């Protein structure tokens, strides 16, 4: 799915219509990206669209904590914050 990075964790929204990927980039940094299911018109149908793209982080833990801080549905989903590395 990504050419510049590898998924190391995927966090799904409870309804399955959004997700956040924690990515390990090939350059040694980490980031997160979000996407959501979008209902298009009769020609497009349902598709997934990007919703968040983070900056760069020194660790996967930092990227995941930032996602919990920045992505509203993650905060509302009442998940525990990830443990430290």
PDB file of N, CA and C in Angstrom:
ATOM      1  N   UNK A   1       0.825  -1.191   0.000  1.00  0.00           N
ATOM      2  CA  UNK A   1       0.000   0.000   0.000  1.00  0.00           C
ATOM      3  C   UNK A   1       0.870   1.257   0.000  1.00  0.00           C
ATOM      4  N   UNK A   2       1.940   1.248   0.771  1.00  0.00           N
ATOM      5  CA  UNK A   2       2.840   2.403   0.842  1.00  0.00           C
ATOM      6  C   UNK A   2       4.147   2.041   0.151  1.00  0.00           C
ATOM      7  N   UNK A   3       4.724   2.976  -0.576  1.00  0.00           N
ATOM      8  CA  UNK A   3       6.016   2.724  -1.214  1.00  0.00           C
ATOM      9  C   UNK A   3       7.170   3.230  -0.363  1.00  0.00           C
ATOM     10  N   UNK A   4       6.900   4.153   0.551  1.00  0.00           N
ATOM     11  CA  UNK A   4       7.954   4.775   1.351  1.00  0.00           C
ATOM     12  C   UNK A   4       8.054   4.223   2.767  1.00  0.00           C
ATOM     13  N   UNK A   5       7.142   3.323   3.141  1.00  0.00           N
ATOM     14  CA  UNK A   5       7.071   2.876   4.525  1.00  0.00           C
ATOM     15  C   UNK A   5       6.357   1.534   4.622  1.00  0.00           C
ATOM     16  N   UNK A   6       6.434   0.949   5.822  1.00  0.00           N
ATOM     17  CA  UNK A   6       5.762  -0.321   6.115  1.00  0.00           C
ATOM     18  C   UNK A   6       4.807  -0.105   7.291  1.00  0.00           C
ATOM     19  N   UNK A   7       3.587  -0.662   7.198  1.00  0.00           N
ATOM     20  CA  UNK A   7       2.641  -0.613   8.321  1.00  0.00           C
ATOM     21  C   UNK A   7       3.238  -1.403   9.472  1.00  0.00           C
ATOM     22  N   UNK A   8       3.226  -0.802  10.659  1.00  0.00           N
ATOM     23  CA  UNK A   8       3.604  -1.580  11.829  1.00  0.00           C
ATOM     24  C   UNK A   8       2.432  -1.744  12.789  1.00  0.00           C
ATOM     25  N   UNK A   9       1.402  -0.925  12.596  1.00  0.00           N
ATOM     26  CA  UNK A   9       0.185  -1.059  13.405  1.00  0.00           C
ATOM     27  C   UNK A   9      -0.954  -0.386  12.660  1.00  0.00           C
ATOM     28  N   UNK A  10      -2.135  -0.981  12.757  1.00  0.00           N
ATOM     29  CA  UNK A  10      -3.349  -0.388  12.188  1.00  0.00           C
ATOM     30  C   UNK A  10      -4.375  -0.312  13.308  1.00  0.00           C
ATOM     31  N   UNK A  11      -4.938   0.876  13.522  1.00  0.00           N
ATOM     32  CA  UNK A  11      -5.963   1.085  14.541  1.00  0.00           C
ATOM     33  C   UNK A  11      -7.261   1.381  13.815  1.00  0.00           C
ATOM     34  N   UNK A  12      -8.254   0.519  13.989  1.00  0.00           N
ATOM     35  CA  UNK A  12      -9.548   0.670  13.324  1.00  0.00           C
ATOM     36  C   UNK A  12     -10.544   1.394  14.213  1.00  0.00           C
ATOM     37  N   UNK A  13     -11.332   2.264  13.616  1.00  0.00           N
ATOM     38  CA  UNK A  13     -12.447   2.866  14.336  1.00  0.00           C
ATOM     39  C   UNK A  13     -13.468   1.771  14.606  1.00  0.00           C
ATOM     40  N   UNK A  14     -14.201   1.886  15.680  1.00  0.00           N
ATOM     41  CA  UNK A  14     -15.138   0.844  16.109  1.00  0.00           C
ATOM     42  C   UNK A  14     -16.130   0.453  15.019  1.00  0.00           C
ATOM     43  N   UNK A  15     -16.566   1.414  14.199  1.00  0.00           N
ATOM     44  CA  UNK A  15     -17.540   1.104  13.149  1.00  0.00           C
ATOM     45  C   UNK A  15     -16.893   0.595  11.858  1.00  0.00           C
ATOM     46  N   UNK A  16     -15.557   0.521  11.822  1.00  0.00           N
ATOM     47  CA  UNK A  16     -14.860   0.004  10.651  1.00  0.00           C
ATOM     48  C   UNK A  16     -14.769   0.977   9.482  1.00  0.00           C
ATOM     49  N   UNK A  17     -15.193   2.213   9.665  1.00  0.00           N
ATOM     50  CA  UNK A  17     -15.234   3.168   8.553  1.00  0.00           C
ATOM     51  C   UNK A  17     -14.064   4.156   8.555  1.00  0.00           C
ATOM     52  N   UNK A  18     -13.107   3.969   9.444  1.00  0.00           N
ATOM     53  CA  UNK A  18     -11.898   4.803   9.463  1.00  0.00           C
ATOM     54  C   UNK A  18     -10.790   4.003  10.118  1.00  0.00           C
ATOM     55  N   UNK A  19      -9.556   4.354   9.796  1.00  0.00           N
ATOM     56  CA  UNK A  19      -8.408   3.692  10.404  1.00  0.00           C
ATOM     57  C   UNK A  19      -7.215   4.617  10.394  1.00  0.00           C
ATOM     58  N   UNK A  20      -6.290   4.335  11.285  1.00  0.00           N
ATOM     59  CA  UNK A  20      -5.015   5.047  11.358  1.00  0.00           C
ATOM     60  C   UNK A  20      -3.917   4.003  11.241  1.00  0.00           C
ATOM     61  N   UNK A  21      -2.968   4.281  10.379  1.00  0.00           N
ATOM     62  CA  UNK A  21      -1.797   3.419  10.188  1.00  0.00           C
ATOM     63  C   UNK A  21      -0.598   4.061  10.866  1.00  0.00           C
ATOM     64  N   UNK A  22       0.117   3.310  11.674  1.00  0.00           N
ATOM     65  CA  UNK A  22       1.415   3.733  12.193  1.00  0.00           C
ATOM     66  C   UNK A  22       2.441   3.127  11.251  1.00  0.00           C
ATOM     67  N   UNK A  23       3.301   3.980  10.686  1.00  0.00           N
ATOM     68  CA  UNK A  23       4.211   3.552   9.627  1.00  0.00           C
ATOM     69  C   UNK A  23       5.669   3.712  10.034  1.00  0.00           C
ATOM     70  N   UNK A  24       6.479   2.708   9.686  1.00  0.00           N
ATOM     71  CA  UNK A  24       7.938   2.795   9.800  1.00  0.00           C
ATOM     72  C   UNK A  24       8.462   3.138   8.417  1.00  0.00           C
ATOM     73  N   UNK A  25       9.017   4.325   8.303  1.00  0.00           N
ATOM     74  CA  UNK A  25       9.527   4.791   7.012  1.00  0.00           C
ATOM     75  C   UNK A  25      10.884   4.161   6.715  1.00  0.00           C
ATOM     76  N   UNK A  26      11.219   4.084   5.442  1.00  0.00           N
ATOM     77  CA  UNK A  26      12.494   3.495   5.025  1.00  0.00           C
ATOM     78  C   UNK A  26      13.691   4.350   5.431  1.00  0.00           C
ATOM     79  N   UNK A  27      13.459   5.634   5.747  1.00  0.00           N
ATOM     80  CA  UNK A  27      14.561   6.508   6.162  1.00  0.00           C
ATOM     81  C   UNK A  27      14.811   6.476   7.661  1.00  0.00           C
ATOM     82  N   UNK A  28      14.093   5.600   8.395  1.00  0.00           N
ATOM     83  CA  UNK A  28      14.312   5.447   9.830  1.00  0.00           C
ATOM     84  C   UNK A  28      13.357   6.243  10.708  1.00  0.00           C
ATOM     85  N   UNK A  29      12.533   7.094  10.124  1.00  0.00           N
ATOM     86  CA  UNK A  29      11.544   7.847  10.889  1.00  0.00           C
ATOM     87  C   UNK A  29      10.208   7.118  10.881  1.00  0.00           C
ATOM     88  N   UNK A  30       9.256   7.657  11.653  1.00  0.00           N
ATOM     89  CA  UNK A  30       7.916   7.088  11.774  1.00  0.00           C
ATOM     90  C   UNK A  30       6.892   8.180  11.502  1.00  0.00           C
ATOM     91  N   UNK A  31       5.700   7.771  11.119  1.00  0.00           N
ATOM     92  CA  UNK A  31       4.603   8.699  10.890  1.00  0.00           C
ATOM     93  C   UNK A  31       3.293   7.955  11.062  1.00  0.00           C
ATOM     94  N   UNK A  32       2.196   8.698  11.052  1.00  0.00           N
ATOM     95  CA  UNK A  32       0.883   8.049  10.987  1.00  0.00           C
ATOM     96  C   UNK A  32       0.097   8.671   9.842  1.00  0.00           C
ATOM     97  N   UNK A  33      -0.793   7.876   9.315  1.00  0.00           N
ATOM     98  CA  UNK A  33      -1.711   8.339   8.271  1.00  0.00           C
ATOM     99  C   UNK A  33      -3.082   7.764   8.564  1.00  0.00           C
ATOM    100  N   UNK A  34      -4.090   8.583   8.319  1.00  0.00           N
ATOM    101  CA  UNK A  34      -5.460   8.140   8.527  1.00  0.00           C
ATOM    102  C   UNK A  34      -6.208   8.102   7.213  1.00  0.00           C
ATOM    103  N   UNK A  35      -7.224   7.280   7.178  1.00  0.00           N
ATOM    104  CA  UNK A  35      -8.124   7.267   6.029  1.00  0.00           C
ATOM    105  C   UNK A  35      -9.508   6.864   6.496  1.00  0.00           C
ATOM    106  N   UNK A  36     -10.502   7.252   5.704  1.00  0.00           N
ATOM    107  CA  UNK A  36     -11.893   6.978   6.049  1.00  0.00           C
ATOM    108  C   UNK A  36     -12.644   6.515   4.813  1.00  0.00           C
ATOM    109  N   UNK A  37     -13.654   5.707   5.072  1.00  0.00           N
ATOM    110  CA  UNK A  37     -14.525   5.238   4.003  1.00  0.00           C
ATOM    111  C   UNK A  37     -15.474   6.371   3.613  1.00  0.00           C
ATOM    112  N   UNK A  38     -15.528   6.646   2.320  1.00  0.00           N
ATOM    113  CA  UNK A  38     -16.364   7.727   1.795  1.00  0.00           C
ATOM    114  C   UNK A  38     -17.429   7.125   0.880  1.00  0.00           C
ATOM    115  N   UNK A  39     -18.657   7.595   1.036  1.00  0.00           N
ATOM    116  CA  UNK A  39     -19.729   7.169   0.148  1.00  0.00           C
ATOM    117  C   UNK A  39     -19.785   8.143  -1.020  1.00  0.00           C
ATOM    118  N   UNK A  40     -19.321   7.707  -2.179  1.00  0.00           N
ATOM    119  CA  UNK A  40     -19.347   8.554  -3.369  1.00  0.00           C
ATOM    120  C   UNK A  40     -20.720   8.528  -4.032  1.00  0.00           C
ATOM    121  N   UNK A  41     -20.769   9.095  -5.211  1.00  0.00           N
ATOM    122  CA  UNK A  41     -22.027   9.100  -5.954  1.00  0.00           C
ATOM    123  C   UNK A  41     -22.259   7.757  -6.632  1.00  0.00           C
ATOM    124  N   UNK A  42     -23.250   7.691  -7.500  1.00  0.00           N
ATOM    125  CA  UNK A  42     -23.586   6.402  -8.145  1.00  0.00           C
ATOM    126  C   UNK A  42     -22.474   5.898  -9.066  1.00  0.00           C
ATOM    127  N   UNK A  43     -21.570   6.763  -9.469  1.00  0.00           N
ATOM    128  CA  UNK A  43     -20.469   6.356 -10.348  1.00  0.00           C
ATOM    129  C   UNK A  43     -19.232   5.931  -9.557  1.00  0.00           C
ATOM    130  N   UNK A  44     -18.963   6.634  -8.468  1.00  0.00           N
ATOM    131  CA  UNK A  44     -17.776   6.345  -7.662  1.00  0.00           C
ATOM    132  C   UNK A  44     -17.980   5.181  -6.699  1.00  0.00           C
ATOM    133  N   UNK A  45     -19.160   5.095  -6.120  1.00  0.00           N
ATOM    134  CA  UNK A  45     -19.411   4.088  -5.102  1.00  0.00           C
ATOM    135  C   UNK A  45     -18.662   4.419  -3.820  1.00  0.00           C
ATOM    136  N   UNK A  46     -18.365   3.401  -3.030  1.00  0.00           N
ATOM    137  CA  UNK A  46     -17.649   3.567  -1.766  1.00  0.00           C
ATOM    138  C   UNK A  46     -16.154   3.489  -2.048  1.00  0.00           C
ATOM    139  N   UNK A  47     -15.388   4.393  -1.428  1.00  0.00           N
ATOM    140  CA  UNK A  47     -13.930   4.358  -1.577  1.00  0.00           C
ATOM    141  C   UNK A  47     -13.288   4.891  -0.297  1.00  0.00           C
ATOM    142  N   UNK A  48     -11.980   4.638  -0.153  1.00  0.00           N
ATOM    143  CA  UNK A  48     -11.218   5.111   1.006  1.00  0.00           C
ATOM    144  C   UNK A  48     -10.446   6.357   0.610  1.00  0.00           C
ATOM    145  N   UNK A  49     -10.482   7.373   1.476  1.00  0.00           N
ATOM    146  CA  UNK A  49      -9.824   8.645   1.197  1.00  0.00           C
ATOM    147  C   UNK A  49      -8.912   9.034   2.365  1.00  0.00           C
ATOM    148  N   UNK A  50      -7.750   9.635   2.087  1.00  0.00           N
ATOM    149  CA  UNK A  50      -6.865  10.090   3.166  1.00  0.00           C
ATOM    150  C   UNK A  50      -7.545  11.150   4.031  1.00  0.00           C
ATOM    151  N   UNK A  51      -7.299  11.084   5.339  1.00  0.00           N
ATOM    152  CA  UNK A  51      -7.870  12.068   6.253  1.00  0.00           C
ATOM    153  C   UNK A  51      -6.800  12.786   7.076  1.00  0.00           C
ATOM    154  N   UNK A  52      -5.743  12.098   7.449  1.00  0.00           N
ATOM    155  CA  UNK A  52      -4.651  12.692   8.221  1.00  0.00           C
ATOM    156  C   UNK A  52      -3.316  12.231   7.651  1.00  0.00           C
ATOM    157  N   UNK A  53      -2.345  13.141   7.670  1.00  0.00           N
ATOM    158  CA  UNK A  53      -0.958  12.803   7.363  1.00  0.00           C
ATOM    159  C   UNK A  53      -0.114  13.563   8.374  1.00  0.00           C
ATOM    160  N   UNK A  54       0.645  12.825   9.175  1.00  0.00           N
ATOM    161  CA  UNK A  54       1.411  13.458  10.247  1.00  0.00           C
ATOM    162  C   UNK A  54       2.755  13.967   9.746  1.00  0.00           C
ATOM    163  N   UNK A  55       3.465  14.569  10.668  1.00  0.00           N
ATOM    164  CA  UNK A  55       4.875  14.880  10.463  1.00  0.00           C
ATOM    165  C   UNK A  55       5.706  13.652  10.770  1.00  0.00           C
ATOM    166  N   UNK A  56       6.985  13.845  10.979  1.00  0.00           N
ATOM    167  CA  UNK A  56       7.900  12.743  11.243  1.00  0.00           C
ATOM    168  C   UNK A  56       8.203  12.632  12.730  1.00  0.00           C
ATOM    169  N   UNK A  57       8.402  11.392  13.178  1.00  0.00           N
ATOM    170  CA  UNK A  57       8.683  11.110  14.587  1.00  0.00           C
ATOM    171  C   UNK A  57       9.893  10.188  14.694  1.00  0.00           C
ATOM    172  N   UNK A  58      10.576  10.274  15.824  1.00  0.00           N
ATOM    173  CA  UNK A  58      11.769   9.456  16.054  1.00  0.00           C
ATOM    174  C   UNK A  58      11.423   8.016  16.418  1.00  0.00           C
ATOM    175  N   UNK A  59      10.190   7.767  16.904  1.00  0.00           N
ATOM    176  CA  UNK A  59       9.802   6.404  17.292  1.00  0.00           C
ATOM    177  C   UNK A  59       8.346   6.134  16.924  1.00  0.00           C
ATOM    178  N   UNK A  60       8.022   4.863  16.841  1.00  0.00           N
ATOM    179  CA  UNK A  60       6.638   4.463  16.584  1.00  0.00           C
ATOM    180  C   UNK A  60       5.739   4.904  17.736  1.00  0.00           C
ATOM    181  N   UNK A  61       6.269   4.829  18.941  1.00  0.00           N
ATOM    182  CA  UNK A  61       5.508   5.239  20.124  1.00  0.00           C
ATOM    183  C   UNK A  61       5.104   6.715  20.024  1.00  0.00           C
ATOM    184  N   UNK A  62       6.048   7.578  19.631  1.00  0.00           N
ATOM    185  CA  UNK A  62       5.735   8.999  19.485  1.00  0.00           C
ATOM    186  C   UNK A  62       4.676   9.222  18.410  1.00  0.00           C
ATOM    187  N   UNK A  63       4.767   8.510  17.308  1.00  0.00           N
ATOM    188  CA  UNK A  63       3.776   8.651  16.234  1.00  0.00           C
ATOM    189  C   UNK A  63       2.396   8.219  16.716  1.00  0.00           C
ATOM    190  N   UNK A  64       2.337   7.118  17.447  1.00  0.00           N
ATOM    191  CA  UNK A  64       1.045   6.626  17.936  1.00  0.00           C
ATOM    192  C   UNK A  64       0.445   7.581  18.965  1.00  0.00           C
ATOM    193  N   UNK A  65       1.253   8.090  19.863  1.00  0.00           N
ATOM    194  CA  UNK A  65       0.742   9.055  20.857  1.00  0.00           C
ATOM    195  C   UNK A  65       0.222  10.312  20.168  1.00  0.00           C
ATOM    196  N   UNK A  66       0.933  10.772  19.134  1.00  0.00           N
ATOM    197  CA  UNK A  66       0.479  11.953  18.394  1.00  0.00           C
ATOM    198  C   UNK A  66      -0.850  11.678  17.711  1.00  0.00           C
ATOM    199  N   UNK A  67      -1.009  10.482  17.165  1.00  0.00           N
ATOM    200  CA  UNK A  67      -2.279  10.121  16.532  1.00  0.00           C
ATOM    201  C   UNK A  67      -3.415  10.172  17.556  1.00  0.00           C
ATOM    202  N   UNK A  68      -3.176   9.644  18.764  1.00  0.00           N
ATOM    203  CA  UNK A  68      -4.202   9.691  19.807  1.00  0.00           C
ATOM    204  C   UNK A  68      -4.526  11.132  20.194  1.00  0.00           C
ATOM    205  N   UNK A  69      -3.529  12.010  20.149  1.00  0.00           N
ATOM    206  CA  UNK A  69      -3.756  13.424  20.470  1.00  0.00           C
ATOM    207  C   UNK A  69      -4.489  14.156  19.354  1.00  0.00           C
ATOM    208  N   UNK A  70      -4.220  13.786  18.106  1.00  0.00           N
ATOM    209  CA  UNK A  70      -4.670  14.571  16.952  1.00  0.00           C
ATOM    210  C   UNK A  70      -5.947  14.087  16.275  1.00  0.00           C
ATOM    211  N   UNK A  71      -6.237  12.804  16.347  1.00  0.00           N
ATOM    212  CA  UNK A  71      -7.354  12.232  15.590  1.00  0.00           C
ATOM    213  C   UNK A  71      -8.582  12.144  16.510  1.00  0.00           C
ATOM    214  N   UNK A  72      -9.624  12.940  16.235  1.00  0.00           N
ATOM    215  CA  UNK A  72     -10.772  13.016  17.151  1.00  0.00           C
ATOM    216  C   UNK A  72     -11.408  11.669  17.491  1.00  0.00           C
ATOM    217  N   UNK A  73     -11.632  10.803  16.511  1.00  0.00           N
ATOM    218  CA  UNK A  73     -12.317   9.544  16.822  1.00  0.00           C
ATOM    219  C   UNK A  73     -11.459   8.631  17.698  1.00  0.00           C
ATOM    220  N   UNK A  74     -10.134   8.740  17.636  1.00  0.00           N
ATOM    221  CA  UNK A  74      -9.291   7.946  18.538  1.00  0.00           C
ATOM    222  C   UNK A  74      -9.481   8.393  19.979  1.00  0.00           C
ATOM    223  N   UNK A  75      -9.532   9.702  20.190  1.00  0.00           N
ATOM    224  CA  UNK A  75      -9.776  10.216  21.548  1.00  0.00           C
ATOM    225  C   UNK A  75     -11.144   9.780  22.043  1.00  0.00           C
ATOM    226  N   UNK A  76     -12.152   9.840  21.175  1.00  0.00           N
ATOM    227  CA  UNK A  76     -13.523   9.514  21.565  1.00  0.00           C
ATOM    228  C   UNK A  76     -13.745   8.020  21.758  1.00  0.00           C
ATOM    229  N   UNK A  77     -12.905   7.227  21.149  1.00  0.00           N
ATOM    230  CA  UNK A  77     -13.068   5.776  21.223  1.00  0.00           C
ATOM    231  C   UNK A  77     -12.652   5.228  22.588  1.00  0.00           C
ATOM    232  N   UNK A  78     -12.093   6.111  23.439  1.00  0.00           N
ATOM    233  CA  UNK A  78     -11.760   5.743  24.813  1.00  0.00           C
ATOM    234  C   UNK A  78     -10.793   4.575  24.904  1.00  0.00           C
ATOM    235  N   UNK A  79      -9.789   4.589  24.052  1.00  0.00           N
ATOM    236  CA  UNK A  79      -8.746   3.572  24.131  1.00  0.00           C
ATOM    237  C   UNK A  79      -7.659   4.066  25.076  1.00  0.00           C
ATOM    238  N   UNK A  80      -6.980   3.135  25.709  1.00  0.00           N
ATOM    239  CA  UNK A  80      -5.853   3.488  26.556  1.00  0.00           C
ATOM    240  C   UNK A  80      -4.714   3.985  25.680  1.00  0.00           C
ATOM    241  N   UNK A  81      -3.974   4.959  26.179  1.00  0.00           N
ATOM    242  CA  UNK A  81      -2.795   5.427  25.451  1.00  0.00           C
ATOM    243  C   UNK A  81      -1.766   4.312  25.388  1.00  0.00           C
ATOM    244  N   UNK A  82      -0.999   4.244  24.314  1.00  0.00           N
ATOM    245  CA  UNK A  82      -0.001   3.183  24.191  1.00  0.00           C
ATOM    246  C   UNK A  82       1.069   3.310  25.267  1.00  0.00           C
ATOM    247  N   UNK A  83       1.621   2.170  25.679  1.00  0.00           N
ATOM    248  CA  UNK A  83       2.711   2.153  26.650  1.00  0.00           C
ATOM    249  C   UNK A  83       3.957   2.721  26.014  1.00  0.00           C
ATOM    250  N   UNK A  84       4.883   3.164  26.861  1.00  0.00           N
ATOM    251  CA  UNK A  84       6.142   3.693  26.325  1.00  0.00           C
ATOM    252  C   UNK A  84       7.002   2.558  25.799  1.00  0.00           C
ATOM    253  N   UNK A  85       7.927   2.904  24.891  1.00  0.00           N
ATOM    254  CA  UNK A  85       8.820   1.908  24.268  1.00  0.00           C
ATOM    255  C   UNK A  85       9.777   1.333  25.271  1.00  0.00           C
TER     256      UNK A  85
END
